[in-house]
Each structure stands twice: as C-alpha cells, then as structure tokens.
Amino acid sequence: MTEQFEFGPKMRVLTEKQRAFVMAMVEFPGQSHAESARMAGYSDHKERAKVTACLLLQDKKIIEAIQEQAGKKMWAISLKAAGRVEQLIDSDDPAVALKAALSTLDRVGIAPQQTINVNQHMTDDSGKAILERIAALSQRLGIPVPQLLSKPVVDAEFSEVKDG
C-alpha cells in the first residue's frame, strides 16, 4: 500500500519523524509523550525528548494529525464493538439482550419519545421597571423613595492628633 493511501492529508504534511511521533501517540496511548518522541527517533540527550514532545503537542499540524489517526482507529474498532453488541443481542439473558437492543436502536436514531419542559423566568430590567420595584420596596418598608435611594449620612466629629 502506498503512503498516499495509508495516511490522510493531515499526516502527509508532516515530516517522517513527526509522523512516527503521531503513530506512537495513537498506537501506545498509555506511554509518556517523551517515550513517543524517543520511539519516533528524536534525541533524548539531557532528557530532550520531554521538551520535544511538549513542543510537538503544541503544533497545530501535529494535533490535527493525531485527531485524524485517532479517528481512523476509532472507526476501525467500532466494527469490533458492533460485532460485540450483535452477540449481546443474541444473549440468552433477556435483560442483556434488551439492553443491547435498546442501545442499538438509540444509536441509529430510533429512541423513545421524550418530553422536555423548559421553564424560564423573565425579569424586566428596564429603567421604568426598576423604578416601580423601588417604589414598591419603599412602600413596603415605609421609607420615602428619596431616603431609600440616598447615601447614608454619618454624623461624626473628629480631631486631628499630631505626633509629639
């Protein structure tokens, strides 16, 4: 198989080492990023692989290529998952078979009907509405509106104390 068919467009724009790094990341997801860099052939002199991996994982081209390869891998294992669900549908345990069947129907868009109620409370924040609420508060508290809105006045005396 030629490279053109093996790799998608996101992988084809990378260098050979970058592709190897992406493949190591996708094929061995549990290993450290530095180990993926080492596997790809990047130097590890003075633990350089850690820095290289960090830089690679900030590169948009690398991120897109990882997504492309991971998507291919997920698509491939989805066939295996579908086969497993098919086995479960044929299970002798009716509860297992029902769960697998309902899950399958849900995935293909045949799900039970649902009703979703959305309740929304609207508050009028216009100037007129705010003034009406202030007037109602004033009446309820028995405080005139001007007094309710004015800043409190603190009546106090002070004297300046000088050192010495």
C-alpha atoms as a PDB file:
ATOM      1  CA  MET A   1       0.000   0.000   0.000  1.00  0.00           C
ATOM      2  CA  THR A   2       1.394   3.428  -0.813  1.00  0.00           C
ATOM      3  CA  GLU A   3       1.809   6.241   1.677  1.00  0.00           C
ATOM      4  CA  GLN A   4      -0.938   8.189  -0.082  1.00  0.00           C
ATOM      5  CA  PHE A   5      -3.477   5.525   0.885  1.00  0.00           C
ATOM      6  CA  GLU A   6      -2.037   4.809   4.343  1.00  0.00           C
ATOM      7  CA  PHE A   7      -2.057   8.400   5.544  1.00  0.00           C
ATOM      8  CA  GLY A   8      -4.681  11.063   5.313  1.00  0.00           C
ATOM      9  CA  PRO A   9      -3.990  14.669   4.341  1.00  0.00           C
ATOM     10  CA  LYS A  10      -3.086  15.748   7.880  1.00  0.00           C
ATOM     11  CA  MET A  11      -0.404  13.061   8.177  1.00  0.00           C
ATOM     12  CA  ARG A  12       1.008  13.637   4.698  1.00  0.00           C
ATOM     13  CA  VAL A  13       2.093  17.215   5.515  1.00  0.00           C
ATOM     14  CA  LEU A  14       4.302  16.026   8.392  1.00  0.00           C
ATOM     15  CA  THR A  15       7.943  15.005   8.322  1.00  0.00           C
ATOM     16  CA  GLU A  16       8.858  11.339   8.734  1.00  0.00           C
ATOM     17  CA  LYS A  17       9.763  11.846  12.427  1.00  0.00           C
ATOM     18  CA  GLN A  18       6.587  13.802  13.098  1.00  0.00           C
ATOM     19  CA  ARG A  19       4.505  11.000  11.539  1.00  0.00           C
ATOM     20  CA  ALA A  20       6.336   8.435  13.660  1.00  0.00           C
ATOM     21  CA  PHE A  21       5.595  10.544  16.765  1.00  0.00           C
ATOM     22  CA  VAL A  22       1.886  10.739  15.894  1.00  0.00           C
ATOM     23  CA  MET A  23       1.728   6.994  15.245  1.00  0.00           C
ATOM     24  CA  ALA A  24       3.438   6.258  18.574  1.00  0.00           C
ATOM     25  CA  MET A  25       0.970   8.551  20.366  1.00  0.00           C
ATOM     26  CA  VAL A  26      -2.034   6.822  18.772  1.00  0.00           C
ATOM     27  CA  GLU A  27      -0.783   3.237  18.962  1.00  0.00           C
ATOM     28  CA  PHE A  28       0.563   3.443  22.539  1.00  0.00           C
ATOM     29  CA  PRO A  29      -1.720   5.931  24.299  1.00  0.00           C
ATOM     30  CA  GLY A  30      -0.647   4.908  27.811  1.00  0.00           C
ATOM     31  CA  GLN A  31       3.009   5.717  27.384  1.00  0.00           C
ATOM     32  CA  SER A  32       4.604   9.070  28.132  1.00  0.00           C
ATOM     33  CA  HIS A  33       4.829  11.710  25.454  1.00  0.00           C
ATOM     34  CA  ALA A  34       8.608  11.673  25.834  1.00  0.00           C
ATOM     35  CA  GLU A  35       8.631   7.929  25.107  1.00  0.00           C
ATOM     36  CA  SER A  36       6.623   8.573  21.936  1.00  0.00           C
ATOM     37  CA  ALA A  37       9.241  11.134  20.913  1.00  0.00           C
ATOM     38  CA  ARG A  38      12.028   8.625  21.606  1.00  0.00           C
ATOM     39  CA  MET A  39      10.225   5.947  19.576  1.00  0.00           C
ATOM     40  CA  ALA A  40       9.948   8.431  16.709  1.00  0.00           C
ATOM     41  CA  GLY A  41      13.708   8.881  16.687  1.00  0.00           C
ATOM     42  CA  TYR A  42      14.003  12.233  18.452  1.00  0.00           C
ATOM     43  CA  SER A  43      17.077  12.761  20.623  1.00  0.00           C
ATOM     44  CA  ASP A  44      16.855  12.232  24.367  1.00  0.00           C
ATOM     45  CA  HIS A  45      20.212  13.841  25.162  1.00  0.00           C
ATOM     46  CA  LYS A  46      19.744  15.534  28.560  1.00  0.00           C
ATOM     47  CA  GLU A  47      16.079  14.456  28.514  1.00  0.00           C
ATOM     48  CA  ARG A  48      15.491  16.456  25.326  1.00  0.00           C
ATOM     49  CA  ALA A  49      12.626  14.101  24.351  1.00  0.00           C
ATOM     50  CA  LYS A  50      10.390  15.661  27.032  1.00  0.00           C
ATOM     51  CA  VAL A  51      10.877  19.134  25.585  1.00  0.00           C
ATOM     52  CA  THR A  52      10.491  17.891  22.018  1.00  0.00           C
ATOM     53  CA  ALA A  53       7.245  16.094  22.874  1.00  0.00           C
ATOM     54  CA  CYS A  54       5.900  19.203  24.589  1.00  0.00           C
ATOM     55  CA  LEU A  55       6.713  21.345  21.549  1.00  0.00           C
ATOM     56  CA  LEU A  56       5.249  18.814  19.127  1.00  0.00           C
ATOM     57  CA  LEU A  57       1.998  18.626  21.074  1.00  0.00           C
ATOM     58  CA  GLN A  58       1.574  22.393  20.720  1.00  0.00           C
ATOM     59  CA  ASP A  59       1.904  22.260  16.935  1.00  0.00           C
ATOM     60  CA  LYS A  60      -1.487  22.542  15.219  1.00  0.00           C
ATOM     61  CA  LYS A  61      -0.357  20.196  12.400  1.00  0.00           C
ATOM     62  CA  ILE A  62       0.579  17.512  14.935  1.00  0.00           C
ATOM     63  CA  ILE A  63      -2.691  17.902  16.856  1.00  0.00           C
ATOM     64  CA  GLU A  64      -4.733  17.613  13.646  1.00  0.00           C
ATOM     65  CA  ALA A  65      -2.760  14.554  12.543  1.00  0.00           C
ATOM     66  CA  ILE A  66      -3.313  12.873  15.932  1.00  0.00           C
ATOM     67  CA  GLN A  67      -7.043  13.567  15.612  1.00  0.00           C
ATOM     68  CA  GLU A  68      -7.046  12.152  12.088  1.00  0.00           C
ATOM     69  CA  GLN A  69      -5.239   8.952  13.097  1.00  0.00           C
ATOM     70  CA  ALA A  70      -7.250   8.503  16.302  1.00  0.00           C
ATOM     71  CA  GLY A  71     -10.459   8.913  14.275  1.00  0.00           C
ATOM     72  CA  LYS A  72      -9.347   6.148  11.903  1.00  0.00           C
ATOM     73  CA  LYS A  73      -8.552   3.906  14.855  1.00  0.00           C
ATOM     74  CA  MET A  74     -11.934   4.579  16.471  1.00  0.00           C
ATOM     75  CA  TRP A  75     -13.729   3.836  13.214  1.00  0.00           C
ATOM     76  CA  ALA A  76     -11.848   0.533  12.895  1.00  0.00           C
ATOM     77  CA  ILE A  77     -12.659  -0.616  16.422  1.00  0.00           C
ATOM     78  CA  SER A  78     -16.287   0.451  16.007  1.00  0.00           C
ATOM     79  CA  LEU A  79     -16.711  -2.587  13.765  1.00  0.00           C
ATOM     80  CA  LYS A  80     -15.482  -4.781  16.618  1.00  0.00           C
ATOM     81  CA  ALA A  81     -17.849  -3.010  19.016  1.00  0.00           C
ATOM     82  CA  ALA A  82     -20.764  -3.545  16.645  1.00  0.00           C
ATOM     83  CA  GLY A  83     -19.947  -7.243  16.485  1.00  0.00           C
ATOM     84  CA  ARG A  84     -19.929  -7.448  20.271  1.00  0.00           C
ATOM     85  CA  VAL A  85     -23.305  -5.698  20.509  1.00  0.00           C
ATOM     86  CA  GLU A  86     -24.662  -8.139  17.937  1.00  0.00           C
ATOM     87  CA  GLN A  87     -23.518 -11.022  20.152  1.00  0.00           C
ATOM     88  CA  LEU A  88     -25.183  -9.424  23.166  1.00  0.00           C
ATOM     89  CA  ILE A  89     -28.480  -9.024  21.300  1.00  0.00           C
ATOM     90  CA  ASP A  90     -28.484 -12.804  20.857  1.00  0.00           C
ATOM     91  CA  SER A  91     -27.747 -13.379  24.568  1.00  0.00           C
ATOM     92  CA  ASP A  92     -29.725 -15.999  26.474  1.00  0.00           C
ATOM     93  CA  ASP A  93     -30.164 -13.440  29.256  1.00  0.00           C
ATOM     94  CA  PRO A  94     -33.265 -11.383  28.276  1.00  0.00           C
ATOM     95  CA  ALA A  95     -32.106  -8.342  30.285  1.00  0.00           C
ATOM     96  CA  VAL A  96     -28.752  -8.262  28.463  1.00  0.00           C
ATOM     97  CA  ALA A  97     -30.419  -8.771  25.072  1.00  0.00           C
ATOM     98  CA  LEU A  98     -32.956  -5.994  25.759  1.00  0.00           C
ATOM     99  CA  LYS A  99     -30.278  -3.542  26.883  1.00  0.00           C
ATOM    100  CA  ALA A 100     -28.179  -4.241  23.768  1.00  0.00           C
ATOM    101  CA  ALA A 101     -31.229  -3.902  21.516  1.00  0.00           C
ATOM    102  CA  LEU A 102     -32.344  -0.606  23.099  1.00  0.00           C
ATOM    103  CA  SER A 103     -28.810   0.748  22.922  1.00  0.00           C
ATOM    104  CA  THR A 104     -28.616  -0.146  19.240  1.00  0.00           C
ATOM    105  CA  LEU A 105     -31.969   1.455  18.466  1.00  0.00           C
ATOM    106  CA  ASP A 106     -30.929   4.591  20.303  1.00  0.00           C
ATOM    107  CA  ARG A 107     -27.676   4.820  18.302  1.00  0.00           C
ATOM    108  CA  VAL A 108     -29.469   4.566  14.973  1.00  0.00           C
ATOM    109  CA  GLY A 109     -31.967   7.268  15.887  1.00  0.00           C
ATOM    110  CA  ILE A 110     -34.931   5.166  16.983  1.00  0.00           C
ATOM    111  CA  ALA A 111     -35.201   6.256  20.583  1.00  0.00           C
ATOM    112  CA  PRO A 112     -38.193   6.550  22.903  1.00  0.00           C
ATOM    113  CA  GLN A 113     -40.083   9.812  22.731  1.00  0.00           C
ATOM    114  CA  GLN A 114     -39.037  12.332  25.353  1.00  0.00           C
ATOM    115  CA  THR A 115     -40.727  15.442  26.643  1.00  0.00           C
ATOM    116  CA  ILE A 116     -38.508  18.223  27.854  1.00  0.00           C
ATOM    117  CA  ASN A 117     -40.045  21.162  29.687  1.00  0.00           C
ATOM    118  CA  VAL A 118     -38.110  24.393  29.759  1.00  0.00           C
ATOM    119  CA  ASN A 119     -39.204  26.999  32.289  1.00  0.00           C
ATOM    120  CA  GLN A 120     -37.843  30.480  32.043  1.00  0.00           C
ATOM    121  CA  HIS A 121     -38.401  33.402  34.409  1.00  0.00           C
ATOM    122  CA  MET A 122     -38.027  36.803  32.790  1.00  0.00           C
ATOM    123  CA  THR A 123     -37.165  39.908  34.793  1.00  0.00           C
ATOM    124  CA  ASP A 124     -37.822  43.307  33.303  1.00  0.00           C
ATOM    125  CA  ASP A 125     -34.653  45.321  33.911  1.00  0.00           C
ATOM    126  CA  SER A 126     -35.778  48.463  32.115  1.00  0.00           C
ATOM    127  CA  GLY A 127     -35.482  51.764  33.936  1.00  0.00           C
ATOM    128  CA  LYS A 128     -39.240  52.016  34.396  1.00  0.00           C
ATOM    129  CA  ALA A 129     -39.483  48.507  35.880  1.00  0.00           C
ATOM    130  CA  ILE A 130     -36.620  49.199  38.288  1.00  0.00           C
ATOM    131  CA  LEU A 131     -38.265  52.425  39.475  1.00  0.00           C
ATOM    132  CA  GLU A 132     -41.540  50.552  40.011  1.00  0.00           C
ATOM    133  CA  ARG A 133     -39.739  47.949  42.141  1.00  0.00           C
ATOM    134  CA  ILE A 134     -38.037  50.700  44.165  1.00  0.00           C
ATOM    135  CA  ALA A 135     -41.411  52.375  44.762  1.00  0.00           C
ATOM    136  CA  ALA A 136     -42.929  49.066  45.888  1.00  0.00           C
ATOM    137  CA  LEU A 137     -39.991  48.444  48.261  1.00  0.00           C
ATOM    138  CA  SER A 138     -40.313  51.992  49.607  1.00  0.00           C
ATOM    139  CA  GLN A 139     -43.997  51.455  50.320  1.00  0.00           C
ATOM    140  CA  ARG A 140     -43.428  48.028  51.918  1.00  0.00           C
ATOM    141  CA  LEU A 141     -40.653  49.345  54.209  1.00  0.00           C
ATOM    142  CA  GLY A 142     -42.367  52.665  54.959  1.00  0.00           C
ATOM    143  CA  ILE A 143     -39.325  54.634  53.839  1.00  0.00           C
ATOM    144  CA  PRO A 144     -39.702  57.505  51.361  1.00  0.00           C
ATOM    145  CA  VAL A 145     -38.059  56.812  47.988  1.00  0.00           C
ATOM    146  CA  PRO A 146     -35.533  59.703  48.226  1.00  0.00           C
ATOM    147  CA  GLN A 147     -34.416  58.492  51.640  1.00  0.00           C
ATOM    148  CA  LEU A 148     -34.234  54.894  50.374  1.00  0.00           C
ATOM    149  CA  LEU A 149     -32.014  55.927  47.460  1.00  0.00           C
ATOM    150  CA  SER A 150     -29.816  58.447  49.257  1.00  0.00           C
ATOM    151  CA  LYS A 151     -26.448  57.535  50.628  1.00  0.00           C
ATOM    152  CA  PRO A 152     -26.431  57.180  54.380  1.00  0.00           C
ATOM    153  CA  VAL A 153     -25.144  60.230  56.195  1.00  0.00           C
ATOM    154  CA  VAL A 154     -22.793  59.535  59.023  1.00  0.00           C
ATOM    155  CA  ASP A 155     -22.711  62.324  61.558  1.00  0.00           C
ATOM    156  CA  ALA A 156     -19.396  62.287  63.344  1.00  0.00           C
ATOM    157  CA  GLU A 157     -16.781  64.528  64.816  1.00  0.00           C
ATOM    158  CA  PHE A 158     -13.080  64.121  64.565  1.00  0.00           C
ATOM    159  CA  SER A 159      -9.998  65.859  65.719  1.00  0.00           C
ATOM    160  CA  GLU A 160      -6.560  65.640  64.275  1.00  0.00           C
ATOM    161  CA  VAL A 161      -3.926  64.116  66.503  1.00  0.00           C
ATOM    162  CA  LYS A 162      -0.408  65.305  65.956  1.00  0.00           C
ATOM    163  CA  ASP A 163       2.690  63.402  66.937  1.00  0.00           C
ATOM    164  CA  GLY A 164       4.667  64.786  69.841  1.00  0.00           C
END
